[in-house]
PDB file of N, CA and C in Angstrom:
ATOM      1  N   MET A   1      82.463  18.827  27.265  1.00  0.00           N
ATOM      2  CA  MET A   1      81.667  18.123  26.287  1.00  0.00           C
ATOM      3  C   MET A   1      81.186  16.802  26.889  1.00  0.00           C
ATOM      4  N   THR A   2      79.910  16.531  26.763  1.00  0.00           N
ATOM      5  CA  THR A   2      79.374  15.295  27.327  1.00  0.00           C
ATOM      6  C   THR A   2      79.389  14.189  26.279  1.00  0.00           C
ATOM      7  N   ALA A   3      79.469  12.983  26.765  1.00  0.00           N
ATOM      8  CA  ALA A   3      79.480  11.829  25.875  1.00  0.00           C
ATOM      9  C   ALA A   3      78.085  11.606  25.298  1.00  0.00           C
ATOM     10  N   ARG A   4      78.065  11.146  24.091  1.00  0.00           N
ATOM     11  CA  ARG A   4      76.808  10.838  23.430  1.00  0.00           C
ATOM     12  C   ARG A   4      76.198   9.600  24.090  1.00  0.00           C
ATOM     13  N   PRO A   5      74.885   9.635  24.393  1.00  0.00           N
ATOM     14  CA  PRO A   5      74.276   8.463  25.032  1.00  0.00           C
ATOM     15  C   PRO A   5      74.268   7.260  24.098  1.00  0.00           C
ATOM     16  N   THR A   6      74.377   6.101  24.681  1.00  0.00           N
ATOM     17  CA  THR A   6      74.321   4.872  23.883  1.00  0.00           C
ATOM     18  C   THR A   6      72.875   4.602  23.476  1.00  0.00           C
ATOM     19  N   THR A   7      72.720   3.731  22.504  1.00  0.00           N
ATOM     20  CA  THR A   7      71.371   3.340  22.082  1.00  0.00           C
ATOM     21  C   THR A   7      70.625   2.711  23.246  1.00  0.00           C
ATOM     22  N   ALA A   8      71.303   1.883  24.016  1.00  0.00           N
ATOM     23  CA  ALA A   8      70.657   1.238  25.164  1.00  0.00           C
ATOM     24  C   ALA A   8      70.165   2.282  26.164  1.00  0.00           C
ATOM     25  N   GLU A   9      70.947   3.331  26.386  1.00  0.00           N
ATOM     26  CA  GLU A   9      70.523   4.392  27.306  1.00  0.00           C
ATOM     27  C   GLU A   9      69.313   5.145  26.756  1.00  0.00           C
ATOM     28  N   LEU A  10      69.329   5.436  25.462  1.00  0.00           N
ATOM     29  CA  LEU A  10      68.180   6.109  24.841  1.00  0.00           C
ATOM     30  C   LEU A  10      66.917   5.255  24.937  1.00  0.00           C
ATOM     31  N   VAL A  11      67.081   3.965  24.666  1.00  0.00           N
ATOM     32  CA  VAL A  11      65.932   3.053  24.742  1.00  0.00           C
ATOM     33  C   VAL A  11      65.422   2.974  26.173  1.00  0.00           C
ATOM     34  N   HIS A  12      66.326   2.898  27.119  1.00  0.00           N
ATOM     35  CA  HIS A  12      65.919   2.838  28.526  1.00  0.00           C
ATOM     36  C   HIS A  12      65.082   4.060  28.898  1.00  0.00           C
ATOM     37  N   VAL A  13      65.518   5.232  28.499  1.00  0.00           N
ATOM     38  CA  VAL A  13      64.768   6.461  28.777  1.00  0.00           C
ATOM     39  C   VAL A  13      63.422   6.426  28.056  1.00  0.00           C
ATOM     40  N   GLY A  14      63.424   5.987  26.807  1.00  0.00           N
ATOM     41  CA  GLY A  14      62.175   5.911  26.054  1.00  0.00           C
ATOM     42  C   GLY A  14      61.173   4.951  26.668  1.00  0.00           C
ATOM     43  N   LEU A  15      61.642   3.798  27.115  1.00  0.00           N
ATOM     44  CA  LEU A  15      60.758   2.826  27.768  1.00  0.00           C
ATOM     45  C   LEU A  15      60.209   3.387  29.073  1.00  0.00           C
ATOM     46  N   HIS A  16      61.069   4.091  29.801  1.00  0.00           N
ATOM     47  CA  HIS A  16      60.635   4.709  31.060  1.00  0.00           C
ATOM     48  C   HIS A  16      59.559   5.760  30.789  1.00  0.00           C
ATOM     49  N   ARG A  17      59.755   6.567  29.762  1.00  0.00           N
ATOM     50  CA  ARG A  17      58.746   7.584  29.427  1.00  0.00           C
ATOM     51  C   ARG A  17      57.428   6.951  28.999  1.00  0.00           C
ATOM     52  N   ALA A  18      57.487   5.848  28.263  1.00  0.00           N
ATOM     53  CA  ALA A  18      56.260   5.160  27.860  1.00  0.00           C
ATOM     54  C   ALA A  18      55.511   4.643  29.092  1.00  0.00           C
ATOM     55  N   ALA A  19      56.243   4.075  30.044  1.00  0.00           N
ATOM     56  CA  ALA A  19      55.613   3.590  31.279  1.00  0.00           C
ATOM     57  C   ALA A  19      55.028   4.751  32.076  1.00  0.00           C
ATOM     58  N   GLU A  20      55.748   5.872  32.133  1.00  0.00           N
ATOM     59  CA  GLU A  20      55.240   7.057  32.843  1.00  0.00           C
ATOM     60  C   GLU A  20      53.978   7.584  32.177  1.00  0.00           C
ATOM     61  N   THR A  21      53.933   7.548  30.862  1.00  0.00           N
ATOM     62  CA  THR A  21      52.740   7.984  30.129  1.00  0.00           C
ATOM     63  C   THR A  21      51.538   7.122  30.500  1.00  0.00           C
ATOM     64  N   ARG A  22      51.757   5.816  30.618  1.00  0.00           N
ATOM     65  CA  ARG A  22      50.658   4.921  31.019  1.00  0.00           C
ATOM     66  C   ARG A  22      50.191   5.227  32.439  1.00  0.00           C
ATOM     67  N   ARG A  23      51.152   5.438  33.351  1.00  0.00           N
ATOM     68  CA  ARG A  23      50.779   5.758  34.733  1.00  0.00           C
ATOM     69  C   ARG A  23      50.010   7.076  34.798  1.00  0.00           C
ATOM     70  N   ALA A  24      50.455   8.067  34.054  1.00  0.00           N
ATOM     71  CA  ALA A  24      49.781   9.368  34.053  1.00  0.00           C
ATOM     72  C   ALA A  24      48.370   9.252  33.468  1.00  0.00           C
ATOM     73  N   ALA A  25      48.233   8.503  32.389  1.00  0.00           N
ATOM     74  CA  ALA A  25      46.909   8.327  31.783  1.00  0.00           C
ATOM     75  C   ALA A  25      45.971   7.608  32.745  1.00  0.00           C
ATOM     76  N   THR A  26      46.484   6.611  33.443  1.00  0.00           N
ATOM     77  CA  THR A  26      45.656   5.886  34.410  1.00  0.00           C
ATOM     78  C   THR A  26      45.255   6.789  35.565  1.00  0.00           C
ATOM     79  N   ALA A  27      46.176   7.617  36.037  1.00  0.00           N
ATOM     80  CA  ALA A  27      45.852   8.550  37.123  1.00  0.00           C
ATOM     81  C   ALA A  27      44.786   9.543  36.666  1.00  0.00           C
ATOM     82  N   ARG A  28      44.919  10.056  35.444  1.00  0.00           N
ATOM     83  CA  ARG A  28      43.918  10.993  34.920  1.00  0.00           C
ATOM     84  C   ARG A  28      42.554  10.304  34.785  1.00  0.00           C
ATOM     85  N   TYR A  29      42.554   9.062  34.343  1.00  0.00           N
ATOM     86  CA  TYR A  29      41.304   8.313  34.210  1.00  0.00           C
ATOM     87  C   TYR A  29      40.660   8.090  35.580  1.00  0.00           C
ATOM     88  N   GLN A  30      41.457   7.716  36.553  1.00  0.00           N
ATOM     89  CA  GLN A  30      40.932   7.470  37.894  1.00  0.00           C
ATOM     90  C   GLN A  30      40.377   8.734  38.540  1.00  0.00           C
ATOM     91  N   ARG A  31      40.919   9.901  38.179  1.00  0.00           N
ATOM     92  CA  ARG A  31      40.392  11.170  38.677  1.00  0.00           C
ATOM     93  C   ARG A  31      39.162  11.625  37.903  1.00  0.00           C
ATOM     94  N   GLY A  32      38.856  10.945  36.815  1.00  0.00           N
ATOM     95  CA  GLY A  32      37.712  11.332  35.994  1.00  0.00           C
ATOM     96  C   GLY A  32      38.043  12.432  34.997  1.00  0.00           C
ATOM     97  N   ALA A  33      39.329  12.684  34.769  1.00  0.00           N
ATOM     98  CA  ALA A  33      39.747  13.759  33.866  1.00  0.00           C
ATOM     99  C   ALA A  33      39.671  13.355  32.397  1.00  0.00           C
ATOM    100  N   ILE A  34      39.702  12.052  32.121  1.00  0.00           N
ATOM    101  CA  ILE A  34      39.572  11.576  30.743  1.00  0.00           C
ATOM    102  C   ILE A  34      38.558  10.445  30.710  1.00  0.00           C
ATOM    103  N   SER A  35      37.994  10.241  29.549  1.00  0.00           N
ATOM    104  CA  SER A  35      36.969   9.215  29.375  1.00  0.00           C
ATOM    105  C   SER A  35      37.618   7.831  29.267  1.00  0.00           C
ATOM    106  N   PRO A  36      36.815   6.782  29.413  1.00  0.00           N
ATOM    107  CA  PRO A  36      37.368   5.433  29.241  1.00  0.00           C
ATOM    108  C   PRO A  36      37.979   5.216  27.857  1.00  0.00           C
ATOM    109  N   VAL A  37      37.376   5.799  26.828  1.00  0.00           N
ATOM    110  CA  VAL A  37      37.918   5.649  25.477  1.00  0.00           C
ATOM    111  C   VAL A  37      39.254   6.380  25.361  1.00  0.00           C
ATOM    112  N   GLN A  38      39.344   7.582  25.907  1.00  0.00           N
ATOM    113  CA  GLN A  38      40.602   8.329  25.874  1.00  0.00           C
ATOM    114  C   GLN A  38      41.696   7.589  26.637  1.00  0.00           C
ATOM    115  N   TRP A  39      41.325   7.003  27.755  1.00  0.00           N
ATOM    116  CA  TRP A  39      42.295   6.239  28.551  1.00  0.00           C
ATOM    117  C   TRP A  39      42.826   5.039  27.773  1.00  0.00           C
ATOM    118  N   ARG A  40      41.899   4.271  27.195  1.00  0.00           N
ATOM    119  CA  ARG A  40      42.303   3.089  26.434  1.00  0.00           C
ATOM    120  C   ARG A  40      43.157   3.483  25.221  1.00  0.00           C
ATOM    121  N   THR A  41      42.788   4.572  24.572  1.00  0.00           N
ATOM    122  CA  THR A  41      43.555   5.050  23.421  1.00  0.00           C
ATOM    123  C   THR A  41      44.954   5.485  23.847  1.00  0.00           C
ATOM    124  N   ALA A  42      45.057   6.171  24.960  1.00  0.00           N
ATOM    125  CA  ALA A  42      46.371   6.590  25.471  1.00  0.00           C
ATOM    126  C   ALA A  42      47.242   5.377  25.781  1.00  0.00           C
ATOM    127  N   LEU A  43      46.648   4.349  26.361  1.00  0.00           N
ATOM    128  CA  LEU A  43      47.414   3.134  26.668  1.00  0.00           C
ATOM    129  C   LEU A  43      47.867   2.450  25.379  1.00  0.00           C
ATOM    130  N   ALA A  44      46.985   2.418  24.381  1.00  0.00           N
ATOM    131  CA  ALA A  44      47.353   1.808  23.101  1.00  0.00           C
ATOM    132  C   ALA A  44      48.531   2.545  22.474  1.00  0.00           C
ATOM    133  N   HIS A  45      48.474   3.875  22.471  1.00  0.00           N
ATOM    134  CA  HIS A  45      49.568   4.669  21.898  1.00  0.00           C
ATOM    135  C   HIS A  45      50.858   4.466  22.677  1.00  0.00           C
ATOM    136  N   SER A  46      50.753   4.383  23.991  1.00  0.00           N
ATOM    137  CA  SER A  46      51.938   4.205  24.817  1.00  0.00           C
ATOM    138  C   SER A  46      52.591   2.846  24.576  1.00  0.00           C
ATOM    139  N   HIS A  47      51.782   1.818  24.459  1.00  0.00           N
ATOM    140  CA  HIS A  47      52.338   0.484  24.174  1.00  0.00           C
ATOM    141  C   HIS A  47      52.950   0.441  22.776  1.00  0.00           C
ATOM    142  N   ALA A  48      52.336   1.135  21.815  1.00  0.00           N
ATOM    143  CA  ALA A  48      52.912   1.196  20.464  1.00  0.00           C
ATOM    144  C   ALA A  48      54.260   1.920  20.498  1.00  0.00           C
ATOM    145  N   ARG A  49      54.353   2.988  21.285  1.00  0.00           N
ATOM    146  CA  ARG A  49      55.620   3.710  21.433  1.00  0.00           C
ATOM    147  C   ARG A  49      56.664   2.789  22.058  1.00  0.00           C
ATOM    148  N   GLU A  50      56.249   2.036  23.075  1.00  0.00           N
ATOM    149  CA  GLU A  50      57.173   1.090  23.709  1.00  0.00           C
ATOM    150  C   GLU A  50      57.682   0.077  22.686  1.00  0.00           C
ATOM    151  N   ALA A  51      56.786  -0.440  21.849  1.00  0.00           N
ATOM    152  CA  ALA A  51      57.190  -1.418  20.827  1.00  0.00           C
ATOM    153  C   ALA A  51      58.212  -0.816  19.870  1.00  0.00           C
ATOM    154  N   ARG A  52      58.027   0.456  19.522  1.00  0.00           N
ATOM    155  CA  ARG A  52      59.000   1.101  18.639  1.00  0.00           C
ATOM    156  C   ARG A  52      60.372   1.199  19.300  1.00  0.00           C
ATOM    157  N   TRP A  53      60.399   1.496  20.611  1.00  0.00           N
ATOM    158  CA  TRP A  53      61.686   1.547  21.308  1.00  0.00           C
ATOM    159  C   TRP A  53      62.347   0.176  21.333  1.00  0.00           C
ATOM    160  N   TRP A  54      61.558  -0.868  21.587  1.00  0.00           N
ATOM    161  CA  TRP A  54      62.125  -2.212  21.546  1.00  0.00           C
ATOM    162  C   TRP A  54      62.659  -2.521  20.147  1.00  0.00           C
ATOM    163  N   GLY A  55      61.973  -2.030  19.119  1.00  0.00           N
ATOM    164  CA  GLY A  55      62.444  -2.229  17.752  1.00  0.00           C
ATOM    165  C   GLY A  55      63.785  -1.560  17.502  1.00  0.00           C
ATOM    166  N   VAL A  56      63.976  -0.381  18.055  1.00  0.00           N
ATOM    167  CA  VAL A  56      65.269   0.313  17.940  1.00  0.00           C
ATOM    168  C   VAL A  56      66.366  -0.559  18.551  1.00  0.00           C
ATOM    169  N   LEU A  57      66.102  -1.059  19.744  1.00  0.00           N
ATOM    170  CA  LEU A  57      67.102  -1.894  20.410  1.00  0.00           C
ATOM    171  C   LEU A  57      67.347  -3.186  19.624  1.00  0.00           C
ATOM    172  N   ALA A  58      66.305  -3.761  19.077  1.00  0.00           N
ATOM    173  CA  ALA A  58      66.450  -4.997  18.302  1.00  0.00           C
ATOM    174  C   ALA A  58      67.338  -4.773  17.080  1.00  0.00           C
ATOM    175  N   ARG A  59      67.118  -3.674  16.374  1.00  0.00           N
ATOM    176  CA  ARG A  59      67.931  -3.406  15.180  1.00  0.00           C
ATOM    177  C   ARG A  59      69.411  -3.267  15.532  1.00  0.00           C
ATOM    178  N   VAL A  60      69.693  -2.603  16.629  1.00  0.00           N
ATOM    179  CA  VAL A  60      71.091  -2.429  17.045  1.00  0.00           C
ATOM    180  C   VAL A  60      71.670  -3.767  17.499  1.00  0.00           C
ATOM    181  N   ALA A  61      70.897  -4.527  18.249  1.00  0.00           N
ATOM    182  CA  ALA A  61      71.389  -5.807  18.775  1.00  0.00           C
ATOM    183  C   ALA A  61      71.669  -6.800  17.653  1.00  0.00           C
ATOM    184  N   VAL A  62      70.835  -6.808  16.639  1.00  0.00           N
ATOM    185  CA  VAL A  62      71.026  -7.749  15.526  1.00  0.00           C
ATOM    186  C   VAL A  62      72.316  -7.420  14.765  1.00  0.00           C
ATOM    187  N   ARG A  63      72.612  -6.136  14.628  1.00  0.00           N
ATOM    188  CA  ARG A  63      73.823  -5.732  13.893  1.00  0.00           C
ATOM    189  C   ARG A  63      75.104  -6.010  14.683  1.00  0.00           C
ATOM    190  N   ASP A  64      74.981  -6.068  16.003  1.00  0.00           N
ATOM    191  CA  ASP A  64      76.159  -6.282  16.848  1.00  0.00           C
ATOM    192  C   ASP A  64      76.301  -7.781  17.114  1.00  0.00           C
ATOM    193  N   HIS A  65      77.230  -8.391  16.422  1.00  0.00           N
ATOM    194  CA  HIS A  65      77.383  -9.847  16.533  1.00  0.00           C
ATOM    195  C   HIS A  65      77.978 -10.290  17.873  1.00  0.00           C
ATOM    196  N   ALA A  66      78.379  -9.341  18.700  1.00  0.00           N
ATOM    197  CA  ALA A  66      78.859  -9.678  20.036  1.00  0.00           C
ATOM    198  C   ALA A  66      77.695  -9.900  21.003  1.00  0.00           C
ATOM    199  N   VAL A  67      76.499  -9.485  20.611  1.00  0.00           N
ATOM    200  CA  VAL A  67      75.323  -9.655  21.466  1.00  0.00           C
ATOM    201  C   VAL A  67      74.811 -11.083  21.298  1.00  0.00           C
ATOM    202  N   PRO A  68      74.696 -11.826  22.386  1.00  0.00           N
ATOM    203  CA  PRO A  68      74.197 -13.205  22.291  1.00  0.00           C
ATOM    204  C   PRO A  68      72.776 -13.258  21.726  1.00  0.00           C
ATOM    205  N   GLN A  69      72.505 -14.294  20.964  1.00  0.00           N
ATOM    206  CA  GLN A  69      71.204 -14.455  20.309  1.00  0.00           C
ATOM    207  C   GLN A  69      70.056 -14.480  21.317  1.00  0.00           C
ATOM    208  N   ILE A  70      70.281 -14.976  22.510  1.00  0.00           N
ATOM    209  CA  ILE A  70      69.214 -15.032  23.511  1.00  0.00           C
ATOM    210  C   ILE A  70      68.724 -13.623  23.864  1.00  0.00           C
ATOM    211  N   TYR A  71      69.636 -12.641  23.865  1.00  0.00           N
ATOM    212  CA  TYR A  71      69.243 -11.260  24.143  1.00  0.00           C
ATOM    213  C   TYR A  71      68.421 -10.685  22.991  1.00  0.00           C
ATOM    214  N   VAL A  72      68.823 -11.004  21.784  1.00  0.00           N
ATOM    215  CA  VAL A  72      68.067 -10.558  20.612  1.00  0.00           C
ATOM    216  C   VAL A  72      66.661 -11.158  20.651  1.00  0.00           C
ATOM    217  N   SER A  73      66.565 -12.420  21.022  1.00  0.00           N
ATOM    218  CA  SER A  73      65.258 -13.079  21.127  1.00  0.00           C
ATOM    219  C   SER A  73      64.405 -12.448  22.217  1.00  0.00           C
ATOM    220  N   ALA A  74      65.027 -12.104  23.325  1.00  0.00           N
ATOM    221  CA  ALA A  74      64.287 -11.475  24.426  1.00  0.00           C
ATOM    222  C   ALA A  74      63.753 -10.107  24.013  1.00  0.00           C
ATOM    223  N   VAL A  75      64.564  -9.349  23.292  1.00  0.00           N
ATOM    224  CA  VAL A  75      64.118  -8.032  22.821  1.00  0.00           C
ATOM    225  C   VAL A  75      62.976  -8.196  21.834  1.00  0.00           C
ATOM    226  N   ALA A  76      63.082  -9.167  20.949  1.00  0.00           N
ATOM    227  CA  ALA A  76      62.004  -9.424  19.987  1.00  0.00           C
ATOM    228  C   ALA A  76      60.722  -9.827  20.708  1.00  0.00           C
ATOM    229  N   ALA A  77      60.834 -10.621  21.750  1.00  0.00           N
ATOM    230  CA  ALA A  77      59.652 -11.019  22.528  1.00  0.00           C
ATOM    231  C   ALA A  77      59.027  -9.814  23.226  1.00  0.00           C
ATOM    232  N   ALA A  78      59.857  -8.937  23.760  1.00  0.00           N
ATOM    233  CA  ALA A  78      59.342  -7.733  24.420  1.00  0.00           C
ATOM    234  C   ALA A  78      58.633  -6.830  23.413  1.00  0.00           C
ATOM    235  N   GLN A  79      59.203  -6.706  22.225  1.00  0.00           N
ATOM    236  CA  GLN A  79      58.555  -5.901  21.189  1.00  0.00           C
ATOM    237  C   GLN A  79      57.216  -6.517  20.787  1.00  0.00           C
ATOM    238  N   GLY A  80      57.197  -7.827  20.629  1.00  0.00           N
ATOM    239  CA  GLY A  80      55.947  -8.506  20.272  1.00  0.00           C
ATOM    240  C   GLY A  80      54.879  -8.343  21.337  1.00  0.00           C
ATOM    241  N   ALA A  81      55.275  -8.424  22.595  1.00  0.00           N
ATOM    242  CA  ALA A  81      54.315  -8.249  23.695  1.00  0.00           C
ATOM    243  C   ALA A  81      53.761  -6.828  23.707  1.00  0.00           C
ATOM    244  N   ALA A  82      54.614  -5.845  23.462  1.00  0.00           N
ATOM    245  CA  ALA A  82      54.146  -4.459  23.436  1.00  0.00           C
ATOM    246  C   ALA A  82      53.203  -4.229  22.259  1.00  0.00           C
ATOM    247  N   LEU A  83      53.505  -4.817  21.113  1.00  0.00           N
ATOM    248  CA  LEU A  83      52.608  -4.694  19.955  1.00  0.00           C
ATOM    249  C   LEU A  83      51.261  -5.339  20.227  1.00  0.00           C
ATOM    250  N   THR A  84      51.290  -6.495  20.883  1.00  0.00           N
ATOM    251  CA  THR A  84      50.040  -7.174  21.246  1.00  0.00           C
ATOM    252  C   THR A  84      49.233  -6.321  22.215  1.00  0.00           C
ATOM    253  N   ASP A  85      49.893  -5.767  23.220  1.00  0.00           N
ATOM    254  CA  ASP A  85      49.201  -4.905  24.177  1.00  0.00           C
ATOM    255  C   ASP A  85      48.602  -3.684  23.481  1.00  0.00           C
ATOM    256  N   ALA A  86      49.358  -3.095  22.560  1.00  0.00           N
ATOM    257  CA  ALA A  86      48.858  -1.925  21.828  1.00  0.00           C
ATOM    258  C   ALA A  86      47.609  -2.288  21.034  1.00  0.00           C
ATOM    259  N   ALA A  87      47.645  -3.420  20.362  1.00  0.00           N
ATOM    260  CA  ALA A  87      46.492  -3.845  19.565  1.00  0.00           C
ATOM    261  C   ALA A  87      45.280  -4.131  20.445  1.00  0.00           C
ATOM    262  N   ARG A  88      45.507  -4.767  21.574  1.00  0.00           N
ATOM    263  CA  ARG A  88      44.387  -5.079  22.487  1.00  0.00           C
ATOM    264  C   ARG A  88      43.763  -3.815  23.069  1.00  0.00           C
ATOM    265  N   TRP A  89      44.598  -2.842  23.467  1.00  0.00           N
ATOM    266  CA  TRP A  89      44.050  -1.600  24.015  1.00  0.00           C
ATOM    267  C   TRP A  89      43.333  -0.800  22.932  1.00  0.00           C
ATOM    268  N   ALA A  90      43.863  -0.806  21.716  1.00  0.00           N
ATOM    269  CA  ALA A  90      43.190  -0.098  20.619  1.00  0.00           C
ATOM    270  C   ALA A  90      41.836  -0.746  20.325  1.00  0.00           C
ATOM    271  N   GLU A  91      41.794  -2.070  20.321  1.00  0.00           N
ATOM    272  CA  GLU A  91      40.528  -2.773  20.103  1.00  0.00           C
ATOM    273  C   GLU A  91      39.554  -2.486  21.243  1.00  0.00           C
ATOM    274  N   SER A  92      40.061  -2.460  22.461  1.00  0.00           N
ATOM    275  CA  SER A  92      39.211  -2.157  23.607  1.00  0.00           C
ATOM    276  C   SER A  92      38.634  -0.747  23.504  1.00  0.00           C
ATOM    277  N   ALA A  93      39.449   0.202  23.054  1.00  0.00           N
ATOM    278  CA  ALA A  93      38.968   1.578  22.879  1.00  0.00           C
ATOM    279  C   ALA A  93      37.861   1.628  21.828  1.00  0.00           C
ATOM    280  N   ARG A  94      38.073   0.936  20.715  1.00  0.00           N
ATOM    281  CA  ARG A  94      37.039   0.900  19.660  1.00  0.00           C
ATOM    282  C   ARG A  94      35.761   0.251  20.166  1.00  0.00           C
ATOM    283  N   ASP A  95      35.893  -0.863  20.862  1.00  0.00           N
ATOM    284  CA  ASP A  95      34.714  -1.554  21.397  1.00  0.00           C
ATOM    285  C   ASP A  95      33.968  -0.668  22.386  1.00  0.00           C
ATOM    286  N   HIS A  96      34.702  -0.012  23.257  1.00  0.00           N
ATOM    287  CA  HIS A  96      34.065   0.842  24.270  1.00  0.00           C
ATOM    288  C   HIS A  96      33.368   2.024  23.604  1.00  0.00           C
ATOM    289  N   ALA A  97      34.013   2.605  22.596  1.00  0.00           N
ATOM    290  CA  ALA A  97      33.399   3.734  21.874  1.00  0.00           C
ATOM    291  C   ALA A  97      32.126   3.280  21.168  1.00  0.00           C
ATOM    292  N   ARG A  98      32.164   2.098  20.591  1.00  0.00           N
ATOM    293  CA  ARG A  98      31.006   1.563  19.875  1.00  0.00           C
ATOM    294  C   ARG A  98      29.846   1.294  20.839  1.00  0.00           C
ATOM    295  N   THR A  99      30.134   0.697  21.970  1.00  0.00           N
ATOM    296  CA  THR A  99      29.061   0.380  22.913  1.00  0.00           C
ATOM    297  C   THR A  99      28.545   1.639  23.607  1.00  0.00           C
ATOM    298  N   ALA A 100      29.425   2.619  23.820  1.00  0.00           N
ATOM    299  CA  ALA A 100      28.984   3.863  24.452  1.00  0.00           C
ATOM    300  C   ALA A 100      28.123   4.665  23.498  1.00  0.00           C
ATOM    301  N   ALA A 101      28.366   4.546  22.188  1.00  0.00           N
ATOM    302  CA  ALA A 101      27.599   5.302  21.199  1.00  0.00           C
ATOM    303  C   ALA A 101      26.292   4.610  20.823  1.00  0.00           C
ATOM    304  N   ALA A 102      26.201   3.309  21.107  1.00  0.00           N
ATOM    305  CA  ALA A 102      24.994   2.559  20.737  1.00  0.00           C
ATOM    306  C   ALA A 102      23.832   2.962  21.627  1.00  0.00           C
ATOM    307  N   PRO A 103      22.650   3.098  21.031  1.00  0.00           N
ATOM    308  CA  PRO A 103      21.484   3.445  21.860  1.00  0.00           C
ATOM    309  C   PRO A 103      21.150   2.315  22.823  1.00  0.00           C
ATOM    310  N   SER A 104      20.715   2.694  23.987  1.00  0.00           N
ATOM    311  CA  SER A 104      20.349   1.715  25.001  1.00  0.00           C
ATOM    312  C   SER A 104      19.063   1.031  24.620  1.00  0.00           C
ATOM    313  N   ARG A 105      18.959  -0.259  24.823  1.00  0.00           N
ATOM    314  CA  ARG A 105      17.757  -1.017  24.481  1.00  0.00           C
ATOM    315  C   ARG A 105      17.039  -1.510  25.738  1.00  0.00           C
ATOM    316  N   VAL A 106      17.347  -0.876  26.850  1.00  0.00           N
ATOM    317  CA  VAL A 106      16.721  -1.264  28.104  1.00  0.00           C
ATOM    318  C   VAL A 106      15.332  -0.631  28.148  1.00  0.00           C
ATOM    319  N   ALA A 107      14.346  -1.438  28.436  1.00  0.00           N
ATOM    320  CA  ALA A 107      12.962  -0.926  28.467  1.00  0.00           C
ATOM    321  C   ALA A 107      12.591  -0.449  29.842  1.00  0.00           C
TER     322      ALA A 107
END
């Protein structure tokens, strides 16, 4: 019987998968396999997934009073940064889709 993974181990794997998803999306974009909008959307989703993993760790850390407050603050900062990145990539995807769909006004 194997031991159940800790929350920290699960979060570590989840963060690694989110980073791998970003690398894979970037590689597909660089090969021309996905559009710029699809790439930006994939990055936004990946950063949102990362933020959710940081949130899991934050909830566990807050409940464990043995965890120093500085670690809880660091996890909260990491979650906030991932949420900001997700929002920026989502906005970039919307902007790119809007400009790509707009008719050209070049004479």
